Amino acid sequence: MAWNNGRHHTSGAGYDLKIKIVDRDHYFDPTWKSVFLYLEGNSHPVEINIGKQSFWGSTCRELINKEIGVWLRANNLAPWPKSKPPKLPLGVVGNQEFKVLKPVHL
């Protein structure tokens, strides 16, 4: 699911992807320092730091990189109506590689 810190910057800053605990624990490995995220329509992945306590805690769990916000805004997925962030499918591509797809229905 998309997430924002409350400031909808046109630069893309402040946007992230929040991962459910069950998905994080199933698909991500705590020994990894980073993962690579392919954003649908982009040819190169974005490297995301997950080697930090906030990702493995019970409250944050965000994949953080400004390029996520740039992608969300470029695809008219952000900003969104209050309390209605888009739910974005996240798929496994390979070892430490994931792909985020645009939602079918907005």
N, C-alpha and C. Protein backbone atom coordinates (compact mmCIF):
# COMPACT_ATOMS: atom_id res chain seq x y z
N MET A 1 0.85 -1.16 0.00
CA MET A 1 0.00 0.00 0.00
C MET A 1 0.91 1.23 0.00
N ALA A 2 0.49 2.25 -0.76
CA ALA A 2 1.23 3.51 -0.77
C ALA A 2 1.06 4.19 0.59
N TRP A 3 2.05 4.98 0.93
CA TRP A 3 2.05 5.69 2.22
C TRP A 3 2.64 7.07 1.99
N ASN A 4 2.19 8.04 2.78
CA ASN A 4 2.73 9.39 2.72
C ASN A 4 2.86 9.94 4.11
N ASN A 5 3.88 10.77 4.32
CA ASN A 5 4.13 11.34 5.64
C ASN A 5 3.26 12.56 5.94
N GLY A 6 2.31 12.87 5.09
CA GLY A 6 1.42 14.01 5.32
C GLY A 6 1.79 15.23 4.50
N ARG A 7 2.94 15.15 3.85
CA ARG A 7 3.39 16.26 3.00
C ARG A 7 3.49 15.74 1.57
N HIS A 8 2.61 16.19 0.73
CA HIS A 8 2.56 15.71 -0.65
C HIS A 8 3.45 16.57 -1.54
N HIS A 9 4.77 16.35 -1.44
CA HIS A 9 5.74 17.12 -2.22
C HIS A 9 5.69 16.74 -3.70
N THR A 10 5.74 17.74 -4.55
CA THR A 10 5.77 17.46 -5.99
C THR A 10 7.06 16.78 -6.40
N SER A 11 8.09 16.87 -5.57
CA SER A 11 9.37 16.21 -5.86
C SER A 11 9.30 14.70 -5.68
N GLY A 12 8.26 14.21 -5.02
CA GLY A 12 8.14 12.78 -4.73
C GLY A 12 8.59 12.43 -3.32
N ALA A 13 9.23 13.35 -2.64
CA ALA A 13 9.68 13.10 -1.27
C ALA A 13 8.48 12.86 -0.36
N GLY A 14 8.64 11.96 0.60
CA GLY A 14 7.60 11.68 1.59
C GLY A 14 6.66 10.55 1.23
N TYR A 15 6.81 9.98 0.03
CA TYR A 15 5.99 8.84 -0.38
C TYR A 15 6.79 7.56 -0.23
N ASP A 16 6.13 6.50 0.23
CA ASP A 16 6.77 5.21 0.42
C ASP A 16 5.76 4.11 0.16
N LEU A 17 6.19 2.89 0.33
CA LEU A 17 5.30 1.73 0.26
C LEU A 17 5.35 1.01 1.59
N LYS A 18 4.19 0.83 2.20
CA LYS A 18 4.11 0.15 3.50
C LYS A 18 3.80 -1.32 3.26
N ILE A 19 4.60 -2.17 3.90
CA ILE A 19 4.49 -3.62 3.73
C ILE A 19 3.80 -4.23 4.96
N LYS A 20 2.87 -5.13 4.72
CA LYS A 20 2.23 -5.83 5.84
C LYS A 20 3.28 -6.69 6.53
N ILE A 21 3.14 -6.83 7.84
CA ILE A 21 4.10 -7.62 8.62
C ILE A 21 4.19 -9.04 8.08
N VAL A 22 3.07 -9.66 7.80
CA VAL A 22 3.08 -11.05 7.33
C VAL A 22 3.83 -11.15 6.00
N ASP A 23 3.66 -10.18 5.11
CA ASP A 23 4.37 -10.19 3.83
C ASP A 23 5.86 -9.91 4.02
N ARG A 24 6.17 -8.97 4.88
CA ARG A 24 7.58 -8.68 5.16
C ARG A 24 8.28 -9.92 5.68
N ASP A 25 7.66 -10.58 6.65
CA ASP A 25 8.29 -11.74 7.26
C ASP A 25 8.38 -12.94 6.31
N HIS A 26 7.48 -13.00 5.34
CA HIS A 26 7.49 -14.13 4.40
C HIS A 26 8.45 -13.89 3.22
N TYR A 27 8.49 -12.66 2.71
CA TYR A 27 9.21 -12.40 1.47
C TYR A 27 10.56 -11.69 1.63
N PHE A 28 10.80 -11.11 2.79
CA PHE A 28 12.03 -10.36 3.01
C PHE A 28 12.90 -11.08 4.04
N ASP A 29 14.20 -10.95 3.89
CA ASP A 29 15.14 -11.64 4.76
C ASP A 29 15.87 -10.60 5.62
N PRO A 30 15.85 -10.76 6.94
CA PRO A 30 16.52 -9.78 7.80
C PRO A 30 18.03 -9.68 7.62
N THR A 31 18.63 -10.64 6.90
CA THR A 31 20.07 -10.55 6.65
C THR A 31 20.38 -9.65 5.44
N TRP A 32 19.36 -9.32 4.65
CA TRP A 32 19.56 -8.45 3.49
C TRP A 32 19.76 -7.02 3.95
N LYS A 33 20.66 -6.32 3.31
CA LYS A 33 20.87 -4.88 3.58
C LYS A 33 19.95 -4.03 2.69
N SER A 34 19.64 -4.54 1.49
CA SER A 34 18.78 -3.80 0.58
C SER A 34 18.04 -4.76 -0.34
N VAL A 35 17.02 -4.22 -1.01
CA VAL A 35 16.30 -4.95 -2.05
C VAL A 35 16.22 -4.03 -3.26
N PHE A 36 15.86 -4.62 -4.38
CA PHE A 36 15.72 -3.86 -5.62
C PHE A 36 14.26 -3.91 -6.04
N LEU A 37 13.71 -2.74 -6.29
CA LEU A 37 12.29 -2.60 -6.56
C LEU A 37 12.10 -2.08 -7.98
N TYR A 38 11.45 -2.89 -8.82
CA TYR A 38 11.09 -2.47 -10.17
C TYR A 38 9.71 -1.83 -10.10
N LEU A 39 9.61 -0.62 -10.56
CA LEU A 39 8.34 0.10 -10.59
C LEU A 39 7.80 -0.04 -12.01
N GLU A 40 6.59 -0.55 -12.15
CA GLU A 40 6.03 -0.84 -13.47
C GLU A 40 6.22 0.34 -14.42
N GLY A 41 6.78 0.04 -15.58
CA GLY A 41 7.02 1.07 -16.59
C GLY A 41 8.43 1.63 -16.56
N ASN A 42 9.16 1.40 -15.48
CA ASN A 42 10.55 1.85 -15.38
C ASN A 42 11.47 0.68 -15.73
N SER A 43 12.54 0.96 -16.46
CA SER A 43 13.43 -0.12 -16.89
C SER A 43 14.49 -0.49 -15.85
N HIS A 44 14.80 0.42 -14.95
CA HIS A 44 15.84 0.15 -13.95
C HIS A 44 15.23 0.09 -12.56
N PRO A 45 15.73 -0.82 -11.73
CA PRO A 45 15.19 -0.92 -10.37
C PRO A 45 15.71 0.20 -9.47
N VAL A 46 14.99 0.41 -8.39
CA VAL A 46 15.37 1.35 -7.34
C VAL A 46 15.91 0.53 -6.18
N GLU A 47 17.05 0.90 -5.66
CA GLU A 47 17.60 0.18 -4.51
C GLU A 47 16.98 0.75 -3.24
N ILE A 48 16.49 -0.14 -2.39
CA ILE A 48 15.82 0.24 -1.15
C ILE A 48 16.58 -0.34 0.03
N ASN A 49 16.94 0.50 0.97
CA ASN A 49 17.62 0.07 2.19
C ASN A 49 16.61 -0.57 3.14
N ILE A 50 16.82 -1.85 3.46
CA ILE A 50 15.96 -2.50 4.47
C ILE A 50 16.79 -2.96 5.66
N GLY A 51 18.06 -2.65 5.66
CA GLY A 51 18.94 -3.05 6.75
C GLY A 51 18.88 -2.07 7.90
N LYS A 52 17.68 -1.80 8.36
CA LYS A 52 17.50 -0.83 9.45
C LYS A 52 16.38 -1.31 10.37
N GLN A 53 16.48 -0.93 11.59
CA GLN A 53 15.53 -1.40 12.60
C GLN A 53 14.09 -0.98 12.28
N SER A 54 13.89 0.20 11.71
CA SER A 54 12.53 0.66 11.46
C SER A 54 11.78 -0.27 10.50
N PHE A 55 12.47 -0.84 9.52
CA PHE A 55 11.80 -1.75 8.59
C PHE A 55 11.38 -3.04 9.29
N TRP A 56 12.16 -3.47 10.25
CA TRP A 56 11.89 -4.74 10.93
C TRP A 56 11.07 -4.57 12.21
N GLY A 57 10.70 -3.34 12.54
CA GLY A 57 9.87 -3.09 13.72
C GLY A 57 8.41 -3.36 13.43
N SER A 58 7.56 -3.07 14.40
CA SER A 58 6.13 -3.36 14.25
C SER A 58 5.32 -2.20 13.69
N THR A 59 5.91 -1.02 13.56
CA THR A 59 5.09 0.12 13.13
C THR A 59 5.44 0.66 11.75
N CYS A 60 6.69 0.79 11.40
CA CYS A 60 7.05 1.45 10.13
C CYS A 60 6.87 0.51 8.94
N ARG A 61 7.86 -0.35 8.68
CA ARG A 61 7.81 -1.34 7.61
C ARG A 61 7.69 -0.72 6.22
N GLU A 62 8.25 0.47 6.01
CA GLU A 62 8.14 1.11 4.71
C GLU A 62 9.36 0.86 3.83
N LEU A 63 9.10 0.70 2.55
CA LEU A 63 10.14 0.73 1.54
C LEU A 63 10.26 2.20 1.16
N ILE A 64 11.40 2.80 1.46
CA ILE A 64 11.57 4.25 1.35
C ILE A 64 12.58 4.60 0.27
N ASN A 65 12.13 5.40 -0.68
CA ASN A 65 13.00 5.98 -1.70
C ASN A 65 12.20 7.04 -2.43
N LYS A 66 12.79 8.19 -2.65
CA LYS A 66 12.11 9.29 -3.33
C LYS A 66 11.55 8.87 -4.69
N GLU A 67 12.23 7.94 -5.36
CA GLU A 67 11.78 7.50 -6.69
C GLU A 67 10.40 6.85 -6.64
N ILE A 68 10.03 6.29 -5.51
CA ILE A 68 8.68 5.74 -5.36
C ILE A 68 7.66 6.86 -5.49
N GLY A 69 7.90 7.97 -4.83
CA GLY A 69 7.00 9.11 -4.93
C GLY A 69 6.97 9.71 -6.33
N VAL A 70 8.12 9.78 -6.97
CA VAL A 70 8.17 10.27 -8.36
C VAL A 70 7.30 9.39 -9.24
N TRP A 71 7.43 8.07 -9.07
CA TRP A 71 6.64 7.11 -9.85
C TRP A 71 5.14 7.23 -9.54
N LEU A 72 4.80 7.32 -8.27
CA LEU A 72 3.38 7.47 -7.89
C LEU A 72 2.77 8.70 -8.52
N ARG A 73 3.47 9.81 -8.45
CA ARG A 73 2.96 11.06 -9.01
C ARG A 73 2.90 11.00 -10.54
N ALA A 74 3.91 10.43 -11.17
CA ALA A 74 3.93 10.34 -12.63
C ALA A 74 2.80 9.47 -13.17
N ASN A 75 2.32 8.53 -12.35
CA ASN A 75 1.24 7.64 -12.76
C ASN A 75 -0.11 8.04 -12.18
N ASN A 76 -0.21 9.28 -11.72
CA ASN A 76 -1.45 9.84 -11.16
C ASN A 76 -2.01 8.99 -10.02
N LEU A 77 -1.11 8.40 -9.25
CA LEU A 77 -1.52 7.62 -8.08
C LEU A 77 -1.37 8.43 -6.80
N ALA A 78 -0.77 9.61 -6.90
CA ALA A 78 -0.57 10.50 -5.76
C ALA A 78 -0.66 11.93 -6.26
N PRO A 79 -1.10 12.84 -5.43
CA PRO A 79 -1.69 12.58 -4.10
C PRO A 79 -3.04 11.90 -4.23
N TRP A 80 -3.49 11.30 -3.15
CA TRP A 80 -4.75 10.58 -3.14
C TRP A 80 -5.69 11.22 -2.13
N PRO A 81 -6.99 10.88 -2.22
CA PRO A 81 -7.94 11.41 -1.24
C PRO A 81 -7.56 10.95 0.17
N LYS A 82 -7.86 11.76 1.16
CA LYS A 82 -7.52 11.46 2.54
C LYS A 82 -7.97 10.05 2.93
N SER A 83 -7.05 9.30 3.53
CA SER A 83 -7.28 7.94 4.03
C SER A 83 -7.60 6.93 2.93
N LYS A 84 -7.25 7.23 1.67
CA LYS A 84 -7.52 6.30 0.58
C LYS A 84 -6.29 6.11 -0.31
N PRO A 85 -5.17 5.63 0.29
CA PRO A 85 -3.98 5.41 -0.54
C PRO A 85 -4.20 4.23 -1.48
N PRO A 86 -3.55 4.26 -2.63
CA PRO A 86 -3.69 3.12 -3.54
C PRO A 86 -3.03 1.87 -2.98
N LYS A 87 -3.66 0.73 -3.25
CA LYS A 87 -3.09 -0.56 -2.88
C LYS A 87 -2.39 -1.09 -4.12
N LEU A 88 -1.10 -1.32 -3.98
CA LEU A 88 -0.27 -1.68 -5.13
C LEU A 88 0.22 -3.12 -5.01
N PRO A 89 -0.04 -3.94 -6.02
CA PRO A 89 0.46 -5.33 -5.98
C PRO A 89 1.99 -5.35 -5.97
N LEU A 90 2.55 -6.16 -5.10
CA LEU A 90 3.99 -6.33 -5.00
C LEU A 90 4.30 -7.79 -5.29
N GLY A 91 5.13 -8.02 -6.29
CA GLY A 91 5.48 -9.38 -6.66
C GLY A 91 6.96 -9.65 -6.52
N VAL A 92 7.30 -10.91 -6.32
CA VAL A 92 8.70 -11.33 -6.24
C VAL A 92 9.20 -11.57 -7.66
N VAL A 93 10.33 -10.95 -8.00
CA VAL A 93 10.95 -11.12 -9.31
C VAL A 93 12.09 -12.11 -9.22
N GLY A 94 12.87 -12.02 -8.16
CA GLY A 94 14.02 -12.89 -7.95
C GLY A 94 14.56 -12.65 -6.56
N ASN A 95 15.77 -13.12 -6.30
CA ASN A 95 16.39 -12.94 -4.99
C ASN A 95 16.63 -11.45 -4.74
N GLN A 96 15.97 -10.94 -3.73
CA GLN A 96 16.07 -9.52 -3.33
C GLN A 96 15.52 -8.58 -4.39
N GLU A 97 14.69 -9.08 -5.29
CA GLU A 97 14.09 -8.26 -6.34
C GLU A 97 12.57 -8.38 -6.30
N PHE A 98 11.92 -7.22 -6.36
CA PHE A 98 10.47 -7.15 -6.30
C PHE A 98 9.96 -6.20 -7.37
N LYS A 99 8.70 -6.37 -7.74
CA LYS A 99 8.09 -5.49 -8.72
C LYS A 99 6.78 -4.95 -8.17
N VAL A 100 6.59 -3.65 -8.35
CA VAL A 100 5.35 -2.99 -7.95
C VAL A 100 4.57 -2.71 -9.22
N LEU A 101 3.31 -3.13 -9.22
CA LEU A 101 2.43 -2.92 -10.36
C LEU A 101 1.43 -1.81 -10.06
N LYS A 102 0.98 -1.16 -11.11
CA LYS A 102 -0.09 -0.17 -10.96
C LYS A 102 -1.36 -0.92 -10.61
N PRO A 103 -2.20 -0.33 -9.78
CA PRO A 103 -3.45 -1.02 -9.44
C PRO A 103 -4.36 -1.10 -10.67
N VAL A 104 -5.13 -2.16 -10.75
CA VAL A 104 -6.06 -2.34 -11.85
C VAL A 104 -7.20 -1.36 -11.71
N HIS A 105 -7.71 -1.20 -10.49
CA HIS A 105 -8.83 -0.29 -10.22
C HIS A 105 -8.38 0.77 -9.23
N LEU A 106 -8.68 2.01 -9.54
CA LEU A 106 -8.34 3.12 -8.62
C LEU A 106 -9.55 3.54 -7.83
